Amino acid sequence: MDLWVERCQNIFMSELIPIFPLEAVVFPGEELNLHIFEPRYKQLINACSESKAPFGIPTVLDQNTGELGTLVELKEIVNVEADGQMDIRTQGLKVFRIRELMKLYPGKLYSGALVDYVSQAEVLTSVAASPLPSGLLADFKKLHGLLKVEKKFPKAEAGLTSFDLAHHVGLTLKQEFELLGMSDESARQEFLRYHLHQVLQVVIQMESLKEKIKLNGHFKKLSS
């Protein structure tokens, strides 16, 4: 097949979306609140508000736009200031992979991208077939207990997924990005399980060290 024809067919299968690159990972289902102050992104939000269209948030890593991101919908414009700055609420919808970046979306100040989406049917089937194992939830709670923090989710434990836990286990941005690129829920769970195991070992050692430090200067009962 002619390479130009093949490229045109591939582009035709992709979707052109406006993008708002951020040094953050947004997971499907996640609620994200943002303060918008740059003119190009004020224009983007106003355009999405008028058209009821979603926009993409690709992750910026090491000052470069990564190939993965999440399509988000604008849920609400909470506040608009006199100079047009605004506070907005968004929610992640689905993961995309960038096929081609565009410096400017046609006729706009902001950028755009041709993207392909991860199959939602595949993702939902994967999630339904792999509920969070009790051991993973137990390690999650143990970590938060040791750190004396509490995370309340707006849904029951039975409905939680790896994406719900991901921001609350101490992953780096690159690790969150790696997780976003995994299409299989069981693989994401194993990724979190391994990470929690590693982190718990460090935190338990730190707790033990704290107890030893507290004993410094106290009378100690030691066996001969």
N, C-alpha and C. Protein backbone atom coordinates (compact mmCIF):
# COMPACT_ATOMS: atom_id res chain seq x y z
N MET A 1 0.84 -1.20 0.00
CA MET A 1 0.00 0.00 0.00
C MET A 1 0.87 1.25 0.00
N ASP A 2 0.47 2.25 -0.80
CA ASP A 2 1.18 3.51 -0.83
C ASP A 2 1.25 4.11 0.57
N LEU A 3 2.45 4.58 1.00
CA LEU A 3 2.64 5.09 2.35
C LEU A 3 1.76 6.30 2.62
N TRP A 4 1.57 7.16 1.62
CA TRP A 4 0.74 8.35 1.81
C TRP A 4 -0.72 7.96 2.04
N VAL A 5 -1.19 6.97 1.27
CA VAL A 5 -2.57 6.49 1.44
C VAL A 5 -2.75 5.88 2.82
N GLU A 6 -1.75 5.07 3.23
CA GLU A 6 -1.83 4.45 4.55
C GLU A 6 -1.85 5.50 5.66
N ARG A 7 -1.02 6.54 5.52
CA ARG A 7 -0.99 7.60 6.54
C ARG A 7 -2.34 8.33 6.59
N CYS A 8 -2.92 8.60 5.43
CA CYS A 8 -4.22 9.27 5.38
C CYS A 8 -5.30 8.43 6.04
N GLN A 9 -5.26 7.11 5.81
CA GLN A 9 -6.23 6.23 6.43
C GLN A 9 -6.07 6.22 7.94
N ASN A 10 -4.82 6.19 8.42
CA ASN A 10 -4.57 6.20 9.85
C ASN A 10 -5.05 7.49 10.49
N ILE A 11 -4.78 8.62 9.82
CA ILE A 11 -5.22 9.91 10.35
C ILE A 11 -6.74 9.98 10.36
N PHE A 12 -7.38 9.43 9.34
CA PHE A 12 -8.84 9.46 9.27
C PHE A 12 -9.45 8.71 10.44
N MET A 13 -8.77 7.68 10.92
CA MET A 13 -9.28 6.89 12.04
C MET A 13 -9.04 7.59 13.38
N SER A 14 -8.16 8.60 13.37
CA SER A 14 -7.86 9.33 14.59
C SER A 14 -8.82 10.50 14.77
N GLU A 15 -8.75 11.11 15.95
CA GLU A 15 -9.62 12.26 16.24
C GLU A 15 -8.76 13.46 16.60
N LEU A 16 -9.11 14.62 16.08
CA LEU A 16 -8.41 15.85 16.41
C LEU A 16 -9.07 16.47 17.63
N ILE A 17 -8.28 16.70 18.68
CA ILE A 17 -8.82 17.28 19.90
C ILE A 17 -7.93 18.45 20.36
N PRO A 18 -8.51 19.43 21.05
CA PRO A 18 -7.70 20.46 21.68
C PRO A 18 -7.00 19.86 22.89
N ILE A 19 -5.79 20.34 23.18
CA ILE A 19 -5.06 19.76 24.31
C ILE A 19 -4.55 20.84 25.26
N PHE A 20 -4.43 20.43 26.51
CA PHE A 20 -3.95 21.28 27.60
C PHE A 20 -2.85 20.49 28.32
N PRO A 21 -1.61 20.49 27.81
CA PRO A 21 -0.54 19.70 28.42
C PRO A 21 -0.26 20.15 29.86
N LEU A 22 -0.11 19.19 30.75
CA LEU A 22 0.17 19.48 32.15
C LEU A 22 1.22 18.52 32.68
N GLU A 23 1.98 18.99 33.66
CA GLU A 23 2.96 18.12 34.31
C GLU A 23 2.23 17.31 35.39
N ALA A 24 1.30 16.49 34.93
CA ALA A 24 0.46 15.69 35.82
C ALA A 24 -0.15 14.56 35.01
N VAL A 25 -0.54 13.51 35.72
CA VAL A 25 -1.27 12.39 35.10
C VAL A 25 -2.70 12.45 35.60
N VAL A 26 -3.63 12.42 34.67
CA VAL A 26 -5.05 12.37 35.01
C VAL A 26 -5.56 10.98 34.66
N PHE A 27 -6.20 10.32 35.61
CA PHE A 27 -6.71 8.97 35.35
C PHE A 27 -8.19 9.01 35.00
N PRO A 28 -8.66 8.04 34.20
CA PRO A 28 -10.09 7.97 33.90
C PRO A 28 -10.91 7.91 35.19
N GLY A 29 -11.97 8.72 35.23
CA GLY A 29 -12.82 8.78 36.42
C GLY A 29 -12.37 9.80 37.44
N GLU A 30 -11.13 10.27 37.34
CA GLU A 30 -10.60 11.22 38.32
C GLU A 30 -11.24 12.60 38.15
N GLU A 31 -11.54 13.25 39.26
CA GLU A 31 -12.02 14.63 39.25
C GLU A 31 -10.84 15.55 39.49
N LEU A 32 -10.67 16.51 38.60
CA LEU A 32 -9.52 17.43 38.68
C LEU A 32 -10.02 18.87 38.63
N ASN A 33 -9.62 19.66 39.62
CA ASN A 33 -9.97 21.08 39.67
C ASN A 33 -8.76 21.90 39.21
N LEU A 34 -8.99 22.88 38.36
CA LEU A 34 -7.90 23.66 37.79
C LEU A 34 -8.21 25.16 37.86
N HIS A 35 -7.14 25.95 38.03
CA HIS A 35 -7.26 27.40 37.91
C HIS A 35 -6.67 27.78 36.56
N ILE A 36 -7.45 28.42 35.71
CA ILE A 36 -7.04 28.75 34.35
C ILE A 36 -6.69 30.24 34.29
N PHE A 37 -5.46 30.54 33.84
CA PHE A 37 -5.04 31.94 33.80
C PHE A 37 -4.37 32.36 32.49
N GLU A 38 -3.81 31.40 31.73
CA GLU A 38 -3.18 31.75 30.46
C GLU A 38 -4.24 32.04 29.40
N PRO A 39 -4.02 33.09 28.56
CA PRO A 39 -5.01 33.45 27.53
C PRO A 39 -5.40 32.29 26.62
N ARG A 40 -4.42 31.45 26.21
CA ARG A 40 -4.73 30.36 25.28
C ARG A 40 -5.65 29.33 25.93
N TYR A 41 -5.47 29.09 27.23
CA TYR A 41 -6.29 28.08 27.88
C TYR A 41 -7.64 28.65 28.35
N LYS A 42 -7.68 29.96 28.56
CA LYS A 42 -8.99 30.59 28.79
C LYS A 42 -9.83 30.45 27.52
N GLN A 43 -9.17 30.62 26.37
CA GLN A 43 -9.87 30.45 25.09
C GLN A 43 -10.34 29.00 24.92
N LEU A 44 -9.47 28.05 25.29
CA LEU A 44 -9.81 26.63 25.17
C LEU A 44 -11.04 26.29 26.01
N ILE A 45 -11.03 26.72 27.27
CA ILE A 45 -12.14 26.39 28.17
C ILE A 45 -13.43 27.04 27.70
N ASN A 46 -13.35 28.28 27.24
CA ASN A 46 -14.56 28.94 26.74
C ASN A 46 -15.11 28.22 25.52
N ALA A 47 -14.21 27.76 24.64
CA ALA A 47 -14.65 27.03 23.44
C ALA A 47 -15.30 25.71 23.83
N CYS A 48 -14.71 24.99 24.77
CA CYS A 48 -15.27 23.70 25.21
C CYS A 48 -16.60 23.91 25.94
N SER A 49 -16.71 25.01 26.67
CA SER A 49 -17.96 25.31 27.37
C SER A 49 -19.09 25.57 26.38
N GLU A 50 -18.76 26.29 25.32
CA GLU A 50 -19.78 26.60 24.31
C GLU A 50 -20.19 25.38 23.50
N SER A 51 -19.21 24.56 23.14
CA SER A 51 -19.49 23.40 22.27
C SER A 51 -19.83 22.13 23.04
N LYS A 52 -19.66 22.16 24.37
CA LYS A 52 -19.86 20.96 25.21
C LYS A 52 -18.91 19.83 24.80
N ALA A 53 -17.76 20.20 24.25
CA ALA A 53 -16.80 19.20 23.79
C ALA A 53 -15.72 18.97 24.84
N PRO A 54 -15.17 17.78 24.91
CA PRO A 54 -14.07 17.50 25.85
C PRO A 54 -12.75 18.01 25.29
N PHE A 55 -11.71 17.93 26.11
CA PHE A 55 -10.37 18.28 25.66
C PHE A 55 -9.38 17.29 26.28
N GLY A 56 -8.17 17.28 25.77
CA GLY A 56 -7.18 16.31 26.24
C GLY A 56 -6.15 16.92 27.16
N ILE A 57 -5.73 16.14 28.16
CA ILE A 57 -4.62 16.54 29.03
C ILE A 57 -3.51 15.51 28.87
N PRO A 58 -2.56 15.76 27.96
CA PRO A 58 -1.40 14.87 27.86
C PRO A 58 -0.41 15.22 28.97
N THR A 59 0.35 14.25 29.41
CA THR A 59 1.31 14.44 30.49
C THR A 59 2.63 14.99 29.96
N VAL A 60 3.14 16.03 30.62
CA VAL A 60 4.45 16.60 30.29
C VAL A 60 5.49 15.95 31.20
N LEU A 61 6.48 15.32 30.59
CA LEU A 61 7.58 14.67 31.31
C LEU A 61 8.90 15.26 30.84
N ASP A 62 9.72 15.73 31.78
CA ASP A 62 11.02 16.30 31.43
C ASP A 62 10.87 17.39 30.36
N GLN A 63 9.83 18.21 30.52
CA GLN A 63 9.56 19.35 29.65
C GLN A 63 9.15 18.96 28.23
N ASN A 64 8.79 17.71 28.05
CA ASN A 64 8.30 17.24 26.75
C ASN A 64 6.90 16.65 26.90
N THR A 65 6.05 16.87 25.90
CA THR A 65 4.71 16.31 25.93
C THR A 65 4.77 14.82 25.64
N GLY A 66 4.32 14.01 26.59
CA GLY A 66 4.34 12.57 26.42
C GLY A 66 3.30 12.11 25.41
N GLU A 67 3.41 10.87 24.98
CA GLU A 67 2.50 10.35 23.96
C GLU A 67 1.15 9.94 24.54
N LEU A 68 1.05 9.87 25.87
CA LEU A 68 -0.21 9.45 26.49
C LEU A 68 -0.87 10.60 27.22
N GLY A 69 -2.18 10.53 27.30
CA GLY A 69 -2.94 11.51 28.05
C GLY A 69 -4.34 11.01 28.29
N THR A 70 -5.17 11.86 28.89
CA THR A 70 -6.54 11.49 29.19
C THR A 70 -7.51 12.55 28.68
N LEU A 71 -8.53 12.10 28.00
CA LEU A 71 -9.60 13.00 27.57
C LEU A 71 -10.44 13.35 28.79
N VAL A 72 -10.72 14.63 28.98
CA VAL A 72 -11.51 15.07 30.13
C VAL A 72 -12.70 15.88 29.66
N GLU A 73 -13.75 15.85 30.46
CA GLU A 73 -14.90 16.70 30.17
C GLU A 73 -14.96 17.84 31.17
N LEU A 74 -15.42 18.98 30.71
CA LEU A 74 -15.59 20.15 31.56
C LEU A 74 -16.91 19.99 32.31
N LYS A 75 -16.82 19.78 33.61
CA LYS A 75 -18.02 19.56 34.41
C LYS A 75 -18.68 20.88 34.83
N GLU A 76 -17.82 21.87 35.17
CA GLU A 76 -18.37 23.12 35.70
C GLU A 76 -17.31 24.22 35.67
N ILE A 77 -17.74 25.42 35.31
CA ILE A 77 -16.92 26.61 35.52
C ILE A 77 -17.41 27.22 36.83
N VAL A 78 -16.58 27.10 37.85
CA VAL A 78 -17.00 27.46 39.20
C VAL A 78 -16.99 28.97 39.41
N ASN A 79 -15.95 29.62 38.85
CA ASN A 79 -15.79 31.05 39.11
C ASN A 79 -15.04 31.69 37.95
N VAL A 80 -15.46 32.90 37.57
CA VAL A 80 -14.76 33.66 36.53
C VAL A 80 -14.43 35.03 37.09
N GLU A 81 -13.14 35.39 37.03
CA GLU A 81 -12.70 36.68 37.54
C GLU A 81 -12.82 37.76 36.46
N ALA A 82 -12.62 39.00 36.86
CA ALA A 82 -12.80 40.12 35.94
C ALA A 82 -11.88 40.04 34.73
N ASP A 83 -10.68 39.48 34.92
CA ASP A 83 -9.72 39.39 33.81
C ASP A 83 -9.85 38.10 33.02
N GLY A 84 -10.90 37.32 33.31
CA GLY A 84 -11.13 36.09 32.56
C GLY A 84 -10.53 34.84 33.16
N GLN A 85 -9.71 34.99 34.20
CA GLN A 85 -9.20 33.81 34.89
C GLN A 85 -10.39 33.06 35.50
N MET A 86 -10.26 31.75 35.58
CA MET A 86 -11.40 30.96 36.05
C MET A 86 -10.97 29.72 36.81
N ASP A 87 -11.87 29.24 37.64
CA ASP A 87 -11.70 27.96 38.33
C ASP A 87 -12.68 26.98 37.71
N ILE A 88 -12.18 25.80 37.36
CA ILE A 88 -13.04 24.82 36.68
C ILE A 88 -12.94 23.45 37.34
N ARG A 89 -13.96 22.65 37.14
CA ARG A 89 -13.97 21.24 37.56
C ARG A 89 -14.03 20.38 36.31
N THR A 90 -13.18 19.36 36.27
CA THR A 90 -13.16 18.44 35.14
C THR A 90 -13.19 17.00 35.64
N GLN A 91 -13.45 16.07 34.73
CA GLN A 91 -13.40 14.65 35.08
C GLN A 91 -12.82 13.86 33.92
N GLY A 92 -11.89 12.94 34.27
CA GLY A 92 -11.24 12.12 33.25
C GLY A 92 -12.22 11.13 32.62
N LEU A 93 -12.10 10.95 31.31
CA LEU A 93 -12.99 10.05 30.58
C LEU A 93 -12.28 8.78 30.09
N LYS A 94 -11.27 8.95 29.24
CA LYS A 94 -10.59 7.78 28.68
C LYS A 94 -9.18 8.16 28.23
N VAL A 95 -8.35 7.15 28.12
CA VAL A 95 -6.93 7.34 27.79
C VAL A 95 -6.76 7.43 26.27
N PHE A 96 -5.86 8.32 25.86
CA PHE A 96 -5.54 8.41 24.43
C PHE A 96 -4.03 8.33 24.23
N ARG A 97 -3.68 8.00 23.00
CA ARG A 97 -2.27 8.00 22.58
C ARG A 97 -2.14 8.98 21.43
N ILE A 98 -1.18 9.89 21.53
CA ILE A 98 -1.02 10.92 20.51
C ILE A 98 -0.36 10.34 19.26
N ARG A 99 -1.02 10.56 18.14
CA ARG A 99 -0.45 10.15 16.86
C ARG A 99 0.36 11.29 16.25
N GLU A 100 -0.16 12.51 16.41
CA GLU A 100 0.54 13.67 15.83
C GLU A 100 0.17 14.92 16.61
N LEU A 101 1.18 15.70 17.01
CA LEU A 101 0.96 16.96 17.71
C LEU A 101 0.81 18.09 16.70
N MET A 102 -0.05 19.05 17.04
CA MET A 102 -0.21 20.25 16.23
C MET A 102 0.10 21.45 17.11
N LYS A 103 1.03 22.29 16.66
CA LYS A 103 1.43 23.45 17.47
C LYS A 103 0.23 24.32 17.79
N LEU A 104 -0.66 24.48 16.81
CA LEU A 104 -1.87 25.27 17.02
C LEU A 104 -3.08 24.51 16.49
N TYR A 105 -4.12 24.43 17.31
CA TYR A 105 -5.42 23.92 16.85
C TYR A 105 -5.92 24.91 15.81
N PRO A 106 -6.54 24.45 14.71
CA PRO A 106 -6.93 25.37 13.62
C PRO A 106 -7.68 26.61 14.11
N GLY A 107 -7.08 27.79 13.86
CA GLY A 107 -7.72 29.05 14.18
C GLY A 107 -7.72 29.43 15.65
N LYS A 108 -6.92 28.70 16.48
CA LYS A 108 -6.94 28.94 17.93
C LYS A 108 -5.54 29.26 18.46
N LEU A 109 -5.51 29.69 19.72
CA LEU A 109 -4.24 29.99 20.39
C LEU A 109 -3.60 28.74 21.00
N TYR A 110 -4.41 27.72 21.27
CA TYR A 110 -3.93 26.53 21.97
C TYR A 110 -3.56 25.42 20.98
N SER A 111 -2.91 24.40 21.51
CA SER A 111 -2.44 23.29 20.67
C SER A 111 -3.53 22.25 20.45
N GLY A 112 -3.24 21.35 19.53
CA GLY A 112 -4.15 20.25 19.27
C GLY A 112 -3.36 18.97 19.03
N ALA A 113 -4.06 17.86 18.91
CA ALA A 113 -3.38 16.59 18.64
C ALA A 113 -4.34 15.62 17.96
N LEU A 114 -3.78 14.84 17.05
CA LEU A 114 -4.51 13.70 16.49
C LEU A 114 -4.27 12.53 17.43
N VAL A 115 -5.34 11.93 17.93
CA VAL A 115 -5.19 10.89 18.94
C VAL A 115 -5.98 9.64 18.58
N ASP A 116 -5.51 8.53 19.12
CA ASP A 116 -6.25 7.27 19.10
C ASP A 116 -6.59 6.92 20.53
N TYR A 117 -7.76 6.32 20.74
CA TYR A 117 -8.21 6.00 22.09
C TYR A 117 -8.00 4.52 22.41
N VAL A 118 -7.69 4.26 23.67
CA VAL A 118 -7.67 2.89 24.16
C VAL A 118 -9.12 2.41 24.17
N SER A 119 -9.36 1.20 23.73
CA SER A 119 -10.71 0.66 23.65
C SER A 119 -11.38 0.67 25.03
N GLN A 120 -12.48 1.42 25.15
CA GLN A 120 -13.18 1.49 26.41
C GLN A 120 -13.82 0.16 26.78
N ALA A 121 -14.29 -0.58 25.77
CA ALA A 121 -14.89 -1.89 26.04
C ALA A 121 -13.85 -2.82 26.66
N GLU A 122 -12.63 -2.74 26.13
CA GLU A 122 -11.53 -3.57 26.65
C GLU A 122 -11.19 -3.18 28.08
N VAL A 123 -11.15 -1.86 28.33
CA VAL A 123 -10.81 -1.38 29.67
C VAL A 123 -11.88 -1.79 30.68
N LEU A 124 -13.15 -1.60 30.32
CA LEU A 124 -14.24 -1.93 31.24
C LEU A 124 -14.30 -3.42 31.52
N THR A 125 -14.05 -4.25 30.49
CA THR A 125 -14.04 -5.69 30.67
C THR A 125 -12.91 -6.10 31.61
N SER A 126 -11.75 -5.46 31.43
CA SER A 126 -10.59 -5.74 32.27
C SER A 126 -10.86 -5.38 33.73
N VAL A 127 -11.50 -4.23 33.96
CA VAL A 127 -11.81 -3.79 35.32
C VAL A 127 -12.82 -4.71 35.97
N ALA A 128 -13.87 -5.08 35.21
CA ALA A 128 -14.92 -5.93 35.75
C ALA A 128 -14.38 -7.32 36.11
N ALA A 129 -13.39 -7.79 35.35
CA ALA A 129 -12.85 -9.12 35.58
C ALA A 129 -11.80 -9.14 36.69
N SER A 130 -11.36 -7.95 37.11
CA SER A 130 -10.27 -7.89 38.10
C SER A 130 -10.58 -6.91 39.22
N PRO A 131 -11.51 -7.24 40.12
CA PRO A 131 -11.74 -6.36 41.28
C PRO A 131 -10.48 -6.30 42.13
N LEU A 132 -10.32 -5.22 42.89
CA LEU A 132 -9.12 -5.07 43.70
C LEU A 132 -9.00 -6.22 44.70
N PRO A 133 -7.89 -6.91 44.72
CA PRO A 133 -7.71 -8.00 45.70
C PRO A 133 -7.62 -7.43 47.11
N SER A 134 -8.07 -8.21 48.07
CA SER A 134 -8.10 -7.75 49.47
C SER A 134 -6.70 -7.43 49.97
N GLY A 135 -5.68 -8.18 49.52
CA GLY A 135 -4.32 -7.94 49.96
C GLY A 135 -3.81 -6.56 49.53
N LEU A 136 -4.19 -6.14 48.34
CA LEU A 136 -3.77 -4.82 47.86
C LEU A 136 -4.42 -3.72 48.69
N LEU A 137 -5.70 -3.88 48.97
CA LEU A 137 -6.40 -2.90 49.81
C LEU A 137 -5.82 -2.88 51.23
N ALA A 138 -5.47 -4.05 51.74
CA ALA A 138 -4.90 -4.13 53.08
C ALA A 138 -3.57 -3.40 53.15
N ASP A 139 -2.72 -3.57 52.14
CA ASP A 139 -1.44 -2.87 52.11
C ASP A 139 -1.65 -1.37 51.97
N PHE A 140 -2.62 -0.99 51.18
CA PHE A 140 -2.96 0.43 51.01
C PHE A 140 -3.35 1.05 52.35
N LYS A 141 -4.21 0.36 53.09
CA LYS A 141 -4.65 0.87 54.39
C LYS A 141 -3.51 0.86 55.40
N LYS A 142 -2.66 -0.15 55.33
CA LYS A 142 -1.53 -0.24 56.25
C LYS A 142 -0.58 0.94 56.04
N LEU A 143 -0.31 1.28 54.78
CA LEU A 143 0.56 2.41 54.48
C LEU A 143 -0.03 3.70 55.05
N HIS A 144 -1.31 3.91 54.80
CA HIS A 144 -1.95 5.14 55.29
C HIS A 144 -2.01 5.16 56.81
N GLY A 145 -2.16 3.99 57.42
CA GLY A 145 -2.17 3.93 58.88
C GLY A 145 -0.82 4.32 59.46
N LEU A 146 0.26 3.80 58.86
CA LEU A 146 1.61 4.13 59.33
C LEU A 146 1.92 5.61 59.14
N LEU A 147 1.40 6.17 58.05
CA LEU A 147 1.65 7.59 57.77
C LEU A 147 0.66 8.51 58.48
N LYS A 148 -0.33 7.89 59.12
CA LYS A 148 -1.37 8.64 59.83
C LYS A 148 -2.11 9.61 58.91
N VAL A 149 -2.49 9.10 57.76
CA VAL A 149 -3.32 9.84 56.81
C VAL A 149 -4.56 9.01 56.51
N GLU A 150 -5.59 9.66 56.05
CA GLU A 150 -6.84 8.96 55.76
C GLU A 150 -7.38 9.44 54.42
N LYS A 151 -7.71 8.51 53.56
CA LYS A 151 -8.29 8.82 52.27
C LYS A 151 -9.67 8.21 52.18
N LYS A 152 -10.68 9.07 52.02
CA LYS A 152 -12.05 8.59 51.87
C LYS A 152 -12.46 8.68 50.41
N PHE A 153 -12.95 7.57 49.90
CA PHE A 153 -13.38 7.52 48.51
C PHE A 153 -14.90 7.74 48.42
N PRO A 154 -15.36 8.36 47.34
CA PRO A 154 -16.79 8.60 47.20
C PRO A 154 -17.60 7.37 46.79
N LYS A 155 -16.93 6.21 46.70
CA LYS A 155 -17.66 4.99 46.34
C LYS A 155 -17.19 3.84 47.22
N ALA A 156 -17.95 2.76 47.20
CA ALA A 156 -17.65 1.61 48.06
C ALA A 156 -16.36 0.92 47.62
N GLU A 157 -15.72 0.25 48.57
CA GLU A 157 -14.47 -0.45 48.28
C GLU A 157 -14.62 -1.45 47.14
N ALA A 158 -15.78 -2.08 47.06
CA ALA A 158 -15.99 -3.09 46.02
C ALA A 158 -15.91 -2.50 44.62
N GLY A 159 -16.12 -1.20 44.51
CA GLY A 159 -16.10 -0.56 43.20
C GLY A 159 -14.80 0.15 42.87
N LEU A 160 -13.81 0.07 43.76
CA LEU A 160 -12.54 0.75 43.54
C LEU A 160 -11.71 0.04 42.47
N THR A 161 -10.91 0.83 41.75
CA THR A 161 -10.00 0.29 40.74
C THR A 161 -8.58 0.78 41.03
N SER A 162 -7.64 0.30 40.27
CA SER A 162 -6.26 0.74 40.42
C SER A 162 -6.12 2.24 40.21
N PHE A 163 -6.92 2.80 39.30
CA PHE A 163 -6.86 4.23 39.06
C PHE A 163 -7.27 5.04 40.29
N ASP A 164 -8.18 4.50 41.10
CA ASP A 164 -8.62 5.21 42.31
C ASP A 164 -7.50 5.30 43.34
N LEU A 165 -6.65 4.27 43.41
CA LEU A 165 -5.58 4.24 44.40
C LEU A 165 -4.31 4.96 43.94
N ALA A 166 -4.15 5.10 42.64
CA ALA A 166 -2.85 5.45 42.07
C ALA A 166 -2.23 6.73 42.62
N HIS A 167 -3.03 7.77 42.84
CA HIS A 167 -2.48 9.03 43.33
C HIS A 167 -2.16 9.00 44.82
N HIS A 168 -2.48 7.91 45.51
CA HIS A 168 -2.42 7.90 46.98
C HIS A 168 -1.47 6.84 47.53
N VAL A 169 -0.51 6.42 46.71
CA VAL A 169 0.44 5.40 47.17
C VAL A 169 1.89 5.86 47.01
N GLY A 170 2.09 7.14 46.67
CA GLY A 170 3.45 7.67 46.59
C GLY A 170 4.17 7.39 45.30
N LEU A 171 3.45 7.20 44.20
CA LEU A 171 4.10 7.00 42.91
C LEU A 171 4.71 8.31 42.41
N THR A 172 5.82 8.21 41.69
CA THR A 172 6.38 9.38 41.02
C THR A 172 5.55 9.68 39.78
N LEU A 173 5.78 10.84 39.18
CA LEU A 173 5.05 11.20 37.96
C LEU A 173 5.32 10.18 36.86
N LYS A 174 6.57 9.74 36.72
CA LYS A 174 6.90 8.76 35.68
C LYS A 174 6.23 7.42 35.95
N GLN A 175 6.12 7.05 37.21
CA GLN A 175 5.44 5.79 37.54
C GLN A 175 3.94 5.89 37.25
N GLU A 176 3.34 7.04 37.56
CA GLU A 176 1.92 7.23 37.24
C GLU A 176 1.71 7.18 35.73
N PHE A 177 2.64 7.76 34.99
CA PHE A 177 2.55 7.75 33.52
C PHE A 177 2.65 6.33 33.00
N GLU A 178 3.54 5.54 33.58
CA GLU A 178 3.68 4.13 33.20
C GLU A 178 2.39 3.37 33.47
N LEU A 179 1.78 3.65 34.62
CA LEU A 179 0.52 3.00 34.98
C LEU A 179 -0.58 3.36 33.99
N LEU A 180 -0.61 4.63 33.58
CA LEU A 180 -1.63 5.09 32.63
C LEU A 180 -1.56 4.33 31.32
N GLY A 181 -0.35 3.92 30.95
CA GLY A 181 -0.16 3.22 29.68
C GLY A 181 -0.50 1.75 29.71
N MET A 182 -0.86 1.22 30.89
CA MET A 182 -1.23 -0.19 31.00
C MET A 182 -2.72 -0.36 30.75
N SER A 183 -3.09 -1.13 29.75
CA SER A 183 -4.50 -1.29 29.39
C SER A 183 -5.19 -2.39 30.19
N ASP A 184 -4.39 -3.22 30.89
CA ASP A 184 -4.97 -4.35 31.63
C ASP A 184 -5.03 -4.03 33.12
N GLU A 185 -6.19 -4.16 33.73
CA GLU A 185 -6.37 -3.83 35.15
C GLU A 185 -5.54 -4.73 36.06
N SER A 186 -5.44 -6.00 35.75
CA SER A 186 -4.66 -6.89 36.60
C SER A 186 -3.18 -6.51 36.59
N ALA A 187 -2.68 -6.03 35.44
CA ALA A 187 -1.28 -5.58 35.36
C ALA A 187 -1.09 -4.32 36.20
N ARG A 188 -2.06 -3.42 36.18
CA ARG A 188 -1.97 -2.21 36.99
C ARG A 188 -1.99 -2.57 38.48
N GLN A 189 -2.81 -3.53 38.85
CA GLN A 189 -2.88 -3.96 40.25
C GLN A 189 -1.55 -4.55 40.70
N GLU A 190 -0.94 -5.36 39.86
CA GLU A 190 0.35 -5.96 40.20
C GLU A 190 1.42 -4.89 40.34
N PHE A 191 1.37 -3.88 39.49
CA PHE A 191 2.29 -2.75 39.55
C PHE A 191 2.16 -2.04 40.90
N LEU A 192 0.92 -1.79 41.34
CA LEU A 192 0.68 -1.13 42.62
C LEU A 192 1.07 -2.04 43.79
N ARG A 193 0.79 -3.33 43.67
CA ARG A 193 1.12 -4.27 44.75
C ARG A 193 2.62 -4.28 44.99
N TYR A 194 3.40 -4.35 43.92
CA TYR A 194 4.86 -4.36 44.06
C TYR A 194 5.36 -3.05 44.66
N HIS A 195 4.81 -1.94 44.18
CA HIS A 195 5.22 -0.63 44.69
C HIS A 195 4.90 -0.50 46.18
N LEU A 196 3.70 -0.90 46.58
CA LEU A 196 3.32 -0.81 47.99
C LEU A 196 4.22 -1.67 48.86
N HIS A 197 4.56 -2.85 48.36
CA HIS A 197 5.46 -3.74 49.11
C HIS A 197 6.80 -3.05 49.37
N GLN A 198 7.34 -2.38 48.34
CA GLN A 198 8.61 -1.69 48.48
C GLN A 198 8.50 -0.51 49.45
N VAL A 199 7.44 0.28 49.29
CA VAL A 199 7.26 1.47 50.12
C VAL A 199 7.03 1.09 51.58
N LEU A 200 6.25 0.05 51.80
CA LEU A 200 5.96 -0.37 53.18
C LEU A 200 7.24 -0.77 53.91
N GLN A 201 8.14 -1.44 53.23
CA GLN A 201 9.40 -1.83 53.86
C GLN A 201 10.16 -0.59 54.33
N VAL A 202 10.19 0.44 53.50
CA VAL A 202 10.90 1.68 53.85
C VAL A 202 10.22 2.37 55.02
N VAL A 203 8.87 2.48 54.96
CA VAL A 203 8.14 3.19 56.01
C VAL A 203 8.26 2.46 57.34
N ILE A 204 8.17 1.13 57.33
CA ILE A 204 8.30 0.35 58.57
C ILE A 204 9.69 0.55 59.17
N GLN A 205 10.72 0.57 58.33
CA GLN A 205 12.07 0.82 58.82
C GLN A 205 12.18 2.22 59.43
N MET A 206 11.54 3.19 58.81
CA MET A 206 11.56 4.56 59.34
C MET A 206 10.84 4.64 60.68
N GLU A 207 9.73 3.92 60.81
CA GLU A 207 9.00 3.91 62.07
C GLU A 207 9.85 3.29 63.17
N SER A 208 10.57 2.21 62.82
CA SER A 208 11.46 1.57 63.79
C SER A 208 12.58 2.52 64.20
N LEU A 209 13.10 3.26 63.22
CA LEU A 209 14.15 4.24 63.51
C LEU A 209 13.64 5.34 64.43
N LYS A 210 12.42 5.79 64.20
CA LYS A 210 11.82 6.83 65.05
C LYS A 210 11.72 6.35 66.50
N GLU A 211 11.34 5.08 66.69
CA GLU A 211 11.22 4.54 68.04
C GLU A 211 12.59 4.47 68.72
N LYS A 212 13.62 4.11 67.95
CA LYS A 212 14.96 4.05 68.51
C LYS A 212 15.44 5.43 68.92
N ILE A 213 15.13 6.43 68.10
CA ILE A 213 15.54 7.80 68.41
C ILE A 213 14.85 8.30 69.67
N LYS A 214 13.56 7.94 69.83
CA LYS A 214 12.82 8.35 71.01
C LYS A 214 13.43 7.78 72.29
N LEU A 215 14.05 6.60 72.20
CA LEU A 215 14.63 5.93 73.37
C LEU A 215 15.97 6.54 73.78
N ASN A 216 16.55 7.35 72.93
CA ASN A 216 17.85 7.93 73.23
C ASN A 216 17.77 8.80 74.49
N GLY A 217 18.58 8.46 75.52
CA GLY A 217 18.57 9.22 76.77
C GLY A 217 17.68 8.63 77.83
N HIS A 218 16.86 7.63 77.48
CA HIS A 218 15.99 6.97 78.45
C HIS A 218 16.75 5.83 79.14
N PHE A 219 16.26 5.42 80.30
CA PHE A 219 16.81 4.25 80.98
C PHE A 219 16.39 3.00 80.18
N LYS A 220 17.34 2.15 79.88
CA LYS A 220 17.07 0.99 79.07
C LYS A 220 17.30 -0.27 79.88
N LYS A 221 16.41 -1.21 79.71
CA LYS A 221 16.55 -2.50 80.37
C LYS A 221 17.09 -3.49 79.36
N LEU A 222 18.36 -3.80 79.47
CA LEU A 222 19.02 -4.68 78.51
C LEU A 222 19.49 -5.95 79.18
N SER A 223 19.45 -7.05 78.48
CA SER A 223 19.96 -8.32 79.03
C SER A 223 21.47 -8.35 78.88
N SER A 224 22.12 -9.02 79.83
CA SER A 224 23.59 -9.11 79.81
C SER A 224 24.02 -10.17 78.81
